[in-house]
């Protein structure tokens, strides 16, 4: 309807302007209504205005109509036109074509701007929808975090303290810590129903849970998910085992609590959690969590709570990180920092602790000169992530006094040699023995 109205207007206006001009001329001078004998050819106003407003087709139509009217008057022998004004007609046509070209040029520019506007409007609409979705999601995340008294990092540290301060329970490595582990799963993974079960040396799972969240279903050791987790020592879920029996049994995820030497101390069996959480990133997180808890249980069971040998503890952590890199196809970084000044030690220790994430670890050992060496393990981090971490603690590569590059490592110094930093980028091809040897060499230099 609107298009028809526009087309009617485009035809009516040129016709009215074209016919109105000779009428005005007749009113002004009945002997020369086409202004042929005037010094200025006023007749060109009609096609000029029409072509500037509507383009070439309507402009040339207006010019043709005027020329036809002049020709008809001459043909009928009217006294108003004594000769055919060829010069004026040619000028009228040329001016119509030139003015129409201006219209076409501006029309192309306007169409291009309109196209860009439409494109930007579509993108803006998409952005606005995404923004509102993110805003709503961020609000829900804020509400969720506000309801949590602790961060994931603090929860893991509390769990570590809880594990290492409990007395040794022979045959009961999970005693007293099951509820704390399930609280972490409930808070950060939205697990609604789960249980922790003991696993013996033969990798046989106990029938009754050591601790439970909600009312876990009856456990069947023959469940394919549990069998897969016990066989491989890795997290198993209904995404990895396509079997119709799982829906009946109700086991969604099985998380083995396995230490760095591949001994399974227990099993977390999840019966109820949001289905959208069953994705690769969630399974990776659960695998890392199971490994950390398994290492803590091993230390507790073997009465290694005092951490007297920091290098052995670091070696165990490094072994764990390299195992995660191999299984989860990720990367990690090890950073060794030697600080001579006690004042700088206190300053940077506070910065390290403030910037480390929940999964990061820091160990402090002494070298042969009794200097403090800060050993940091940053899982799921590449070289760029390590550089960003160092930038935040004001030990950036750009501000270093000296920089040395090696294969998969980089060393630099600050404050006239009082601070020395070395970074190792870990991959699935990294040798644990080689990294430990290079760290010892870093101590000696």
Protein backbone atom coordinates (compact mmCIF):
# COMPACT_ATOMS: atom_id res chain seq x y z
CA UNK A 1 0.00 0.00 0.00
CA UNK A 2 2.78 2.41 0.91
CA UNK A 3 4.73 1.49 -2.25
CA UNK A 4 1.71 2.22 -4.45
CA UNK A 5 1.28 5.60 -2.77
CA UNK A 6 4.93 6.48 -3.39
CA UNK A 7 4.69 5.49 -7.07
CA UNK A 8 1.55 7.58 -7.54
CA UNK A 9 3.28 10.58 -5.97
CA UNK A 10 6.30 10.12 -8.23
CA UNK A 11 4.12 10.30 -11.33
CA UNK A 12 1.62 12.93 -10.21
CA UNK A 13 4.15 15.54 -9.01
CA UNK A 14 6.19 15.64 -12.28
CA UNK A 15 3.00 15.86 -14.35
CA UNK A 16 1.61 18.68 -12.21
CA UNK A 17 4.88 20.66 -12.32
CA UNK A 18 5.26 20.11 -16.07
CA UNK A 19 1.68 21.18 -16.89
CA UNK A 20 1.68 24.01 -14.36
CA UNK A 21 4.65 25.81 -15.95
CA UNK A 22 3.00 26.50 -19.38
CA UNK A 23 -0.20 27.51 -17.58
CA UNK A 24 1.73 30.04 -15.50
CA UNK A 25 3.45 31.21 -18.70
CA UNK A 26 0.09 31.65 -20.42
CA UNK A 27 -1.19 33.70 -17.48
CA UNK A 28 1.91 35.90 -17.54
CA UNK A 29 2.21 36.22 -21.32
CA UNK A 30 -0.48 34.60 -23.46
CA UNK A 31 1.54 35.25 -26.61
CA UNK A 32 4.54 33.21 -25.35
CA UNK A 33 3.45 30.62 -22.74
CA UNK A 34 6.63 28.55 -23.26
CA UNK A 35 9.00 31.52 -22.61
CA UNK A 36 10.70 30.93 -25.97
CA UNK A 37 11.43 34.60 -26.65
CA UNK A 38 12.60 35.36 -23.09
CA UNK A 39 16.28 35.87 -22.26
CA UNK A 40 16.15 33.02 -19.70
CA UNK A 41 14.51 29.71 -20.73
CA UNK A 42 12.18 29.34 -17.76
CA UNK A 43 10.74 26.19 -19.28
CA UNK A 44 13.72 24.15 -18.04
CA UNK A 45 12.60 24.56 -14.40
CA UNK A 46 10.07 21.70 -14.68
CA UNK A 47 12.46 18.92 -15.89
CA UNK A 48 15.25 20.34 -13.70
CA UNK A 49 13.19 20.06 -10.49
CA UNK A 50 11.76 16.70 -11.53
CA UNK A 51 15.13 15.10 -12.34
CA UNK A 52 16.72 16.45 -9.16
CA UNK A 53 13.90 15.05 -7.05
CA UNK A 54 12.99 11.78 -8.80
CA UNK A 55 15.81 10.95 -11.22
CA UNK A 56 16.45 10.52 -14.91
CA UNK A 57 13.27 8.67 -15.94
CA UNK A 58 10.89 11.23 -14.48
CA UNK A 59 13.06 14.17 -15.58
CA UNK A 60 13.29 13.02 -19.20
CA UNK A 61 9.55 12.27 -19.15
CA UNK A 62 8.86 15.85 -18.06
CA UNK A 63 11.18 17.19 -20.78
CA UNK A 64 9.55 14.95 -23.41
CA UNK A 65 6.10 16.16 -22.36
CA UNK A 66 7.11 19.82 -22.74
CA UNK A 67 8.74 19.14 -26.12
CA UNK A 68 5.59 17.32 -27.23
CA UNK A 69 3.43 20.27 -26.17
CA UNK A 70 5.63 22.71 -28.16
CA UNK A 71 5.56 20.39 -31.19
CA UNK A 72 1.76 20.08 -31.00
CA UNK A 73 1.32 23.86 -30.87
CA UNK A 74 3.60 24.26 -33.92
CA UNK A 75 1.79 21.44 -35.74
CA UNK A 76 -1.62 22.98 -35.02
CA UNK A 77 -0.35 26.36 -36.22
CA UNK A 78 -0.75 28.19 -32.96
CA UNK A 79 0.44 31.82 -32.97
CA UNK A 80 2.25 31.37 -29.62
CA UNK A 81 5.15 29.43 -31.24
CA UNK A 82 6.44 30.73 -34.55
CA UNK A 83 9.46 28.38 -34.84
CA UNK A 84 10.83 25.21 -33.27
CA UNK A 85 13.38 26.25 -30.54
CA UNK A 86 16.07 23.65 -31.22
CA UNK A 87 18.75 25.35 -29.11
CA UNK A 88 16.47 25.59 -26.09
CA UNK A 89 15.33 21.97 -26.49
CA UNK A 90 18.90 20.65 -26.66
CA UNK A 91 19.89 22.68 -23.59
CA UNK A 92 16.78 21.44 -21.77
CA UNK A 93 17.68 17.80 -22.48
CA UNK A 94 21.34 18.26 -21.49
CA UNK A 95 20.43 20.01 -18.25
CA UNK A 96 17.92 17.26 -17.47
CA UNK A 97 20.56 14.55 -17.98
CA UNK A 98 23.17 16.41 -15.87
CA UNK A 99 20.78 17.10 -13.00
CA UNK A 100 19.59 13.48 -13.12
CA UNK A 101 23.20 12.34 -12.74
CA UNK A 102 23.47 14.39 -9.54
CA UNK A 103 20.34 12.67 -8.27
CA UNK A 104 21.68 9.21 -9.11
CA UNK A 105 25.00 9.96 -7.42
CA UNK A 106 23.35 11.09 -4.20
CA UNK A 107 20.85 8.23 -4.38
CA UNK A 108 23.72 5.72 -4.50
CA UNK A 109 25.36 7.36 -1.49
CA UNK A 110 22.10 7.39 0.42
CA UNK A 111 21.42 3.73 -0.44
CA UNK A 112 24.91 2.81 0.73
CA UNK A 113 24.41 4.69 3.99
CA UNK A 114 21.00 3.08 4.40
CA UNK A 115 22.53 -0.37 3.84
CA UNK A 116 25.24 0.34 6.41
CA UNK A 117 22.64 1.66 8.83
CA UNK A 118 20.52 -1.47 8.39
CA UNK A 119 23.57 -3.68 8.90
CA UNK A 120 24.63 -1.78 12.02
CA UNK A 121 21.06 -1.81 13.33
CA UNK A 122 20.88 -5.59 12.96
CA UNK A 123 24.21 -5.96 14.75
CA UNK A 124 23.12 -3.50 17.41
CA UNK A 125 19.92 -5.47 17.99
CA UNK A 126 21.94 -8.67 18.35
CA UNK A 127 24.35 -6.91 20.68
CA UNK A 128 21.47 -5.51 22.74
CA UNK A 129 19.92 -8.97 23.12
CA UNK A 130 23.28 -10.48 24.03
CA UNK A 131 23.96 -7.64 26.45
CA UNK A 132 20.66 -8.15 28.25
CA UNK A 133 21.27 -11.91 28.40
CA UNK A 134 24.75 -11.36 29.82
CA UNK A 135 23.42 -8.75 32.23
CA UNK A 136 20.76 -11.15 33.49
CA UNK A 137 23.30 -13.97 33.70
CA UNK A 138 25.77 -11.70 35.50
CA UNK A 139 23.08 -10.70 37.97
CA UNK A 140 22.33 -14.37 38.67
CA UNK A 141 26.06 -15.04 39.04
CA UNK A 142 26.35 -12.15 41.50
CA UNK A 143 23.44 -13.55 43.47
CA UNK A 144 25.03 -17.00 43.43
CA UNK A 145 28.43 -15.69 44.54
CA UNK A 146 26.86 -13.46 47.16
CA UNK A 147 25.26 -16.53 48.71
CA UNK A 148 28.66 -18.22 48.98
CA UNK A 149 30.70 -17.38 52.01
CA UNK A 150 33.99 -18.52 50.43
CA UNK A 151 35.70 -18.65 47.07
CA UNK A 152 36.71 -21.95 45.47
CA UNK A 153 40.33 -21.31 46.37
CA UNK A 154 39.53 -20.75 50.06
CA UNK A 155 37.29 -23.82 50.08
CA UNK A 156 40.13 -25.96 48.70
CA UNK A 157 42.56 -24.50 51.23
CA UNK A 158 40.12 -25.25 54.05
CA UNK A 159 39.71 -28.79 52.74
CA UNK A 160 43.50 -29.19 52.65
CA UNK A 161 43.80 -27.94 56.22
CA UNK A 162 40.98 -30.24 57.31
CA UNK A 163 42.60 -33.28 55.67
CA UNK A 164 46.09 -32.63 56.99
CA UNK A 165 45.04 -31.85 60.57
CA UNK A 166 42.95 -35.00 61.06
CA UNK A 167 44.57 -37.92 62.82
CA UNK A 168 45.53 -40.93 60.76
CA UNK A 169 42.65 -43.39 60.30
CA UNK A 170 43.99 -46.70 59.06
CA UNK A 171 41.59 -48.21 56.59
CA UNK A 172 39.42 -45.09 56.68
CA UNK A 173 41.19 -42.45 54.58
CA UNK A 174 37.90 -40.68 53.82
CA UNK A 175 36.70 -40.40 57.41
CA UNK A 176 35.80 -36.86 58.44
CA UNK A 177 36.32 -35.15 55.08
CA UNK A 178 33.51 -36.49 52.87
CA UNK A 179 31.02 -33.79 53.79
CA UNK A 180 33.53 -31.02 53.04
CA UNK A 181 34.18 -32.46 49.57
CA UNK A 182 30.47 -32.71 48.81
CA UNK A 183 29.91 -29.13 49.98
CA UNK A 184 32.38 -27.94 47.33
CA UNK A 185 30.51 -29.91 44.64
CA UNK A 186 27.18 -28.58 45.83
CA UNK A 187 28.37 -24.97 45.96
CA UNK A 188 30.33 -24.74 42.72
CA UNK A 189 28.88 -27.47 40.47
CA UNK A 190 25.21 -27.35 41.56
CA UNK A 191 25.29 -31.04 42.48
CA UNK A 192 22.03 -31.92 44.26
CA UNK A 193 22.54 -35.60 45.03
CA UNK A 194 25.82 -37.48 45.43
CA UNK A 195 27.72 -39.87 47.67
CA UNK A 196 31.36 -40.68 48.45
CA UNK A 197 32.32 -44.37 48.55
CA UNK A 198 35.54 -46.01 49.69
CA UNK A 199 37.61 -48.02 47.18
CA UNK A 200 40.01 -50.79 48.30
CA UNK A 201 43.38 -51.88 46.90
CA UNK A 202 41.68 -54.14 44.33
CA UNK A 203 39.66 -51.17 43.05
CA UNK A 204 36.43 -52.55 44.48
CA UNK A 205 33.93 -49.93 45.56
CA UNK A 206 32.19 -50.14 48.93
CA UNK A 207 28.39 -50.57 48.96
CA UNK A 208 27.62 -47.81 51.48
CA UNK A 209 28.56 -44.13 51.21
CA UNK A 210 31.05 -42.61 53.64
CA UNK A 211 29.22 -39.29 53.23
CA UNK A 212 26.22 -38.21 51.18
CA UNK A 213 24.52 -35.14 49.78
CA UNK A 214 20.77 -35.58 49.56
CA UNK A 215 19.50 -39.16 49.28
CA UNK A 216 21.79 -40.98 46.82
CA UNK A 217 20.36 -43.93 44.90
CA UNK A 218 21.30 -47.51 45.67
CA UNK A 219 24.79 -48.19 44.33
CA UNK A 220 25.38 -50.95 41.79
CA UNK A 221 29.05 -51.79 41.28
CA UNK A 222 28.17 -53.13 37.82
CA UNK A 223 27.05 -49.71 36.63
CA UNK A 224 28.93 -48.94 33.37
CA UNK A 225 29.86 -45.42 34.51
CA UNK A 226 31.39 -46.69 37.76
CA UNK A 227 33.15 -49.55 35.98
CA UNK A 228 34.67 -47.12 33.48
CA UNK A 229 35.90 -44.79 36.25
CA UNK A 230 37.43 -47.68 38.23
CA UNK A 231 39.07 -49.17 35.14
CA UNK A 232 40.64 -45.97 33.79
CA UNK A 233 41.05 -43.86 36.92
CA UNK A 234 39.45 -40.94 35.05
CA UNK A 235 36.12 -39.16 35.39
CA UNK A 236 33.30 -41.03 33.62
CA UNK A 237 29.83 -39.76 32.81
CA UNK A 238 26.75 -40.60 30.77
CA UNK A 239 28.33 -38.55 27.99
CA UNK A 240 31.17 -41.07 27.66
CA UNK A 241 29.10 -44.22 28.17
CA UNK A 242 26.08 -44.43 25.84
CA UNK A 243 24.07 -47.17 27.54
CA UNK A 244 20.35 -47.29 28.19
CA UNK A 245 20.85 -48.92 31.62
CA UNK A 246 22.26 -45.69 33.01
CA UNK A 247 18.92 -43.93 33.01
CA UNK A 248 17.56 -46.71 35.25
CA UNK A 249 20.51 -46.81 37.65
CA UNK A 250 20.68 -43.01 37.90
CA UNK A 251 24.48 -42.52 37.95
CA UNK A 252 25.36 -39.36 36.03
CA UNK A 253 29.04 -38.91 36.89
CA UNK A 254 31.68 -40.99 38.68
CA UNK A 255 34.72 -39.07 39.99
CA UNK A 256 37.64 -41.20 41.23
CA UNK A 257 39.74 -39.69 44.02
CA UNK A 258 43.05 -40.80 42.53
CA UNK A 259 46.48 -39.74 43.72
CA UNK A 260 49.50 -38.90 41.62
CA UNK A 261 50.59 -42.57 41.63
CA UNK A 262 47.20 -43.66 40.20
CA UNK A 263 45.87 -45.21 43.39
CA UNK A 264 42.12 -44.71 43.81
CA UNK A 265 41.22 -43.88 47.42
CA UNK A 266 37.53 -43.29 46.91
CA UNK A 267 34.79 -42.52 44.42
CA UNK A 268 32.29 -39.65 44.23
CA UNK A 269 29.09 -40.86 42.57
CA UNK A 270 26.78 -38.07 41.36
CA UNK A 271 23.13 -39.00 40.95
CA UNK A 272 21.59 -35.60 40.29
CA UNK A 273 22.98 -32.40 38.78
CA UNK A 274 21.93 -29.99 35.97
CA UNK A 275 22.23 -31.69 32.59
CA UNK A 276 23.73 -28.54 31.03
CA UNK A 277 26.70 -29.04 33.38
CA UNK A 278 27.57 -32.33 31.66
CA UNK A 279 30.12 -30.81 29.32
CA UNK A 280 33.84 -31.19 28.75
CA UNK A 281 34.92 -28.19 30.83
CA UNK A 282 32.92 -29.47 33.82
CA UNK A 283 34.41 -32.94 33.50
CA UNK A 284 37.91 -31.43 33.38
CA UNK A 285 37.21 -29.47 36.56
CA UNK A 286 35.92 -32.60 38.31
CA UNK A 287 39.02 -34.53 37.19
CA UNK A 288 41.31 -31.85 38.63
CA UNK A 289 39.29 -31.73 41.86
CA UNK A 290 39.40 -35.53 42.19
CA UNK A 291 43.17 -35.50 41.69
CA UNK A 292 43.73 -32.79 44.30
CA UNK A 293 41.58 -34.58 46.86
CA UNK A 294 43.30 -37.90 46.06
CA UNK A 295 46.73 -36.37 46.69
CA UNK A 296 45.55 -34.89 49.99
CA UNK A 297 44.14 -38.23 51.13
CA UNK A 298 47.42 -39.95 50.22
CA UNK A 299 49.41 -37.46 52.29
CA UNK A 300 47.05 -37.94 55.20
CA UNK A 301 47.12 -41.75 55.00
CA UNK A 302 50.93 -41.78 54.85
CA UNK A 303 51.29 -39.25 57.69
CA UNK A 304 53.03 -36.71 55.44
CA UNK A 305 51.25 -33.76 56.90
CA UNK A 306 54.28 -31.77 57.97
CA UNK A 307 55.63 -31.00 54.47
CA UNK A 308 59.18 -31.18 55.83
CA UNK A 309 60.71 -31.71 52.38
CA UNK A 310 59.37 -28.97 50.14
CA UNK A 311 61.20 -30.30 47.09
CA UNK A 312 59.49 -33.69 47.36
CA UNK A 313 56.13 -32.00 47.71
CA UNK A 314 56.88 -29.89 44.64
CA UNK A 315 57.93 -33.00 42.71
CA UNK A 316 54.63 -34.64 43.60
CA UNK A 317 52.69 -31.55 42.48
CA UNK A 318 54.67 -31.40 39.25
CA UNK A 319 53.91 -35.05 38.56
CA UNK A 320 50.21 -34.30 39.09
CA UNK A 321 50.27 -31.28 36.75
CA UNK A 322 52.05 -33.21 33.98
CA UNK A 323 49.47 -35.98 34.30
CA UNK A 324 46.65 -33.46 33.91
CA UNK A 325 48.36 -31.97 30.85
CA UNK A 326 48.55 -35.39 29.23
CA UNK A 327 44.98 -36.42 30.05
CA UNK A 328 43.17 -33.08 29.63
CA UNK A 329 45.15 -31.79 26.61
CA UNK A 330 45.96 -28.53 28.38
CA UNK A 331 49.08 -26.56 29.31
CA UNK A 332 50.71 -25.30 32.48
CA UNK A 333 53.53 -23.08 33.67
CA UNK A 334 56.08 -23.41 36.46
CA UNK A 335 57.64 -20.24 37.87
CA UNK A 336 60.66 -20.23 40.18
CA UNK A 337 61.55 -16.97 41.93
CA UNK A 338 64.61 -16.31 44.10
CA UNK A 339 64.49 -13.16 46.25
CA UNK A 340 67.52 -12.17 48.32
CA UNK A 341 66.11 -9.26 50.33
CA UNK A 342 63.81 -10.10 53.25
CA UNK A 343 61.81 -6.93 52.67
CA UNK A 344 61.22 -7.87 49.02
CA UNK A 345 60.37 -11.43 50.10
CA UNK A 346 57.52 -10.22 52.30
CA UNK A 347 56.33 -7.77 49.65
CA UNK A 348 56.20 -10.25 46.78
CA UNK A 349 54.87 -13.14 48.86
CA UNK A 350 51.79 -11.02 49.56
CA UNK A 351 51.48 -10.24 45.83
CA UNK A 352 51.86 -13.91 44.89
CA UNK A 353 49.14 -14.99 47.31
CA UNK A 354 46.80 -12.21 46.14
CA UNK A 355 47.12 -13.06 42.43
CA UNK A 356 47.14 -16.87 42.52
CA UNK A 357 43.92 -18.60 41.43
CA UNK A 358 42.09 -21.45 43.14
CA UNK A 359 43.98 -24.20 41.29
CA UNK A 360 47.40 -22.52 41.49
CA UNK A 361 49.92 -23.60 44.11
CA UNK A 362 52.95 -21.99 45.72
CA UNK A 363 55.69 -23.71 47.71
CA UNK A 364 58.54 -22.03 49.56
CA UNK A 365 61.85 -23.90 49.83
CA UNK A 366 65.42 -22.99 50.79
CA UNK A 367 68.38 -23.22 48.43
CA UNK A 368 71.98 -24.06 49.39
CA UNK A 369 72.62 -20.39 50.32
CA UNK A 370 69.58 -20.38 52.62
CA UNK A 371 67.67 -18.09 50.28
CA UNK A 372 63.92 -18.42 49.92
CA UNK A 373 62.80 -19.87 46.60
CA UNK A 374 59.16 -19.47 45.59
CA UNK A 375 58.00 -22.34 43.38
CA UNK A 376 54.64 -21.71 41.71
CA UNK A 377 52.59 -24.11 39.61
CA UNK A 378 49.96 -22.51 37.36
CA UNK A 379 47.80 -25.20 35.70
CA UNK A 380 45.70 -24.40 32.61
CA UNK A 381 48.05 -21.50 31.80
CA UNK A 382 50.24 -20.82 28.76
CA UNK A 383 53.23 -18.50 28.35
CA UNK A 384 50.99 -15.49 27.70
CA UNK A 385 49.05 -16.20 30.88
CA UNK A 386 52.31 -16.44 32.83
CA UNK A 387 53.45 -13.08 31.43
CA UNK A 388 50.13 -11.51 32.45
CA UNK A 389 50.55 -12.95 35.95
CA UNK A 390 54.05 -11.45 36.20
CA UNK A 391 52.76 -8.11 34.89
CA UNK A 392 50.21 -8.00 37.70
CA UNK A 393 52.89 -8.56 40.35
CA UNK A 394 55.20 -5.96 38.72
CA UNK A 395 57.77 -8.46 37.44
CA UNK A 396 57.07 -8.03 33.75
CA UNK A 397 59.51 -9.10 31.09
CA UNK A 398 59.64 -5.56 29.67
CA UNK A 399 60.93 -4.15 32.98
CA UNK A 400 63.59 -6.85 33.48
CA UNK A 401 67.25 -5.83 33.64
CA UNK A 402 68.46 -9.01 31.91
CA UNK A 403 66.55 -11.63 29.90
CA UNK A 404 67.76 -15.12 28.91
CA UNK A 405 65.86 -17.48 26.62
CA UNK A 406 66.12 -21.26 26.53
CA UNK A 407 64.15 -24.22 25.22
CA UNK A 408 60.68 -24.00 26.82
CA UNK A 409 62.01 -21.66 29.51
CA UNK A 410 62.88 -18.02 30.05
CA UNK A 411 64.79 -16.29 32.87
CA UNK A 412 65.17 -12.63 33.85
CA UNK A 413 66.34 -10.57 36.82
CA UNK A 414 65.22 -7.40 38.63
CA UNK A 415 66.42 -4.99 41.32
CA UNK A 416 70.13 -5.39 40.50
CA UNK A 417 69.93 -9.17 40.68
CA UNK A 418 68.08 -9.33 44.03
CA UNK A 419 65.12 -10.94 42.25
CA UNK A 420 65.57 -13.71 39.69
CA UNK A 421 62.67 -15.33 37.87
CA UNK A 422 62.57 -18.37 35.59
CA UNK A 423 59.52 -19.65 33.69
CA UNK A 424 59.04 -23.19 32.35
CA UNK A 425 56.23 -23.84 29.87
CA UNK A 426 54.95 -27.38 30.44
CA UNK A 427 53.43 -29.54 27.71
CA UNK A 428 52.65 -33.22 27.15
CA UNK A 429 56.24 -33.66 25.93
CA UNK A 430 57.84 -32.12 29.03
CA UNK A 431 60.11 -34.37 31.07
CA UNK A 432 59.61 -34.10 34.82
CA UNK A 433 63.22 -35.07 35.52
CA UNK A 434 64.51 -32.41 33.12
CA UNK A 435 62.40 -29.67 34.73
CA UNK A 436 63.60 -30.64 38.22
CA UNK A 437 67.22 -30.68 37.01
CA UNK A 438 66.87 -27.23 35.43
CA UNK A 439 65.31 -25.88 38.64
CA UNK A 440 68.32 -27.20 40.60
CA UNK A 441 70.62 -25.49 38.09
CA UNK A 442 68.63 -22.28 38.55
CA UNK A 443 69.30 -22.52 42.31
CA UNK A 444 73.04 -22.87 41.76
CA UNK A 445 73.50 -20.00 39.27
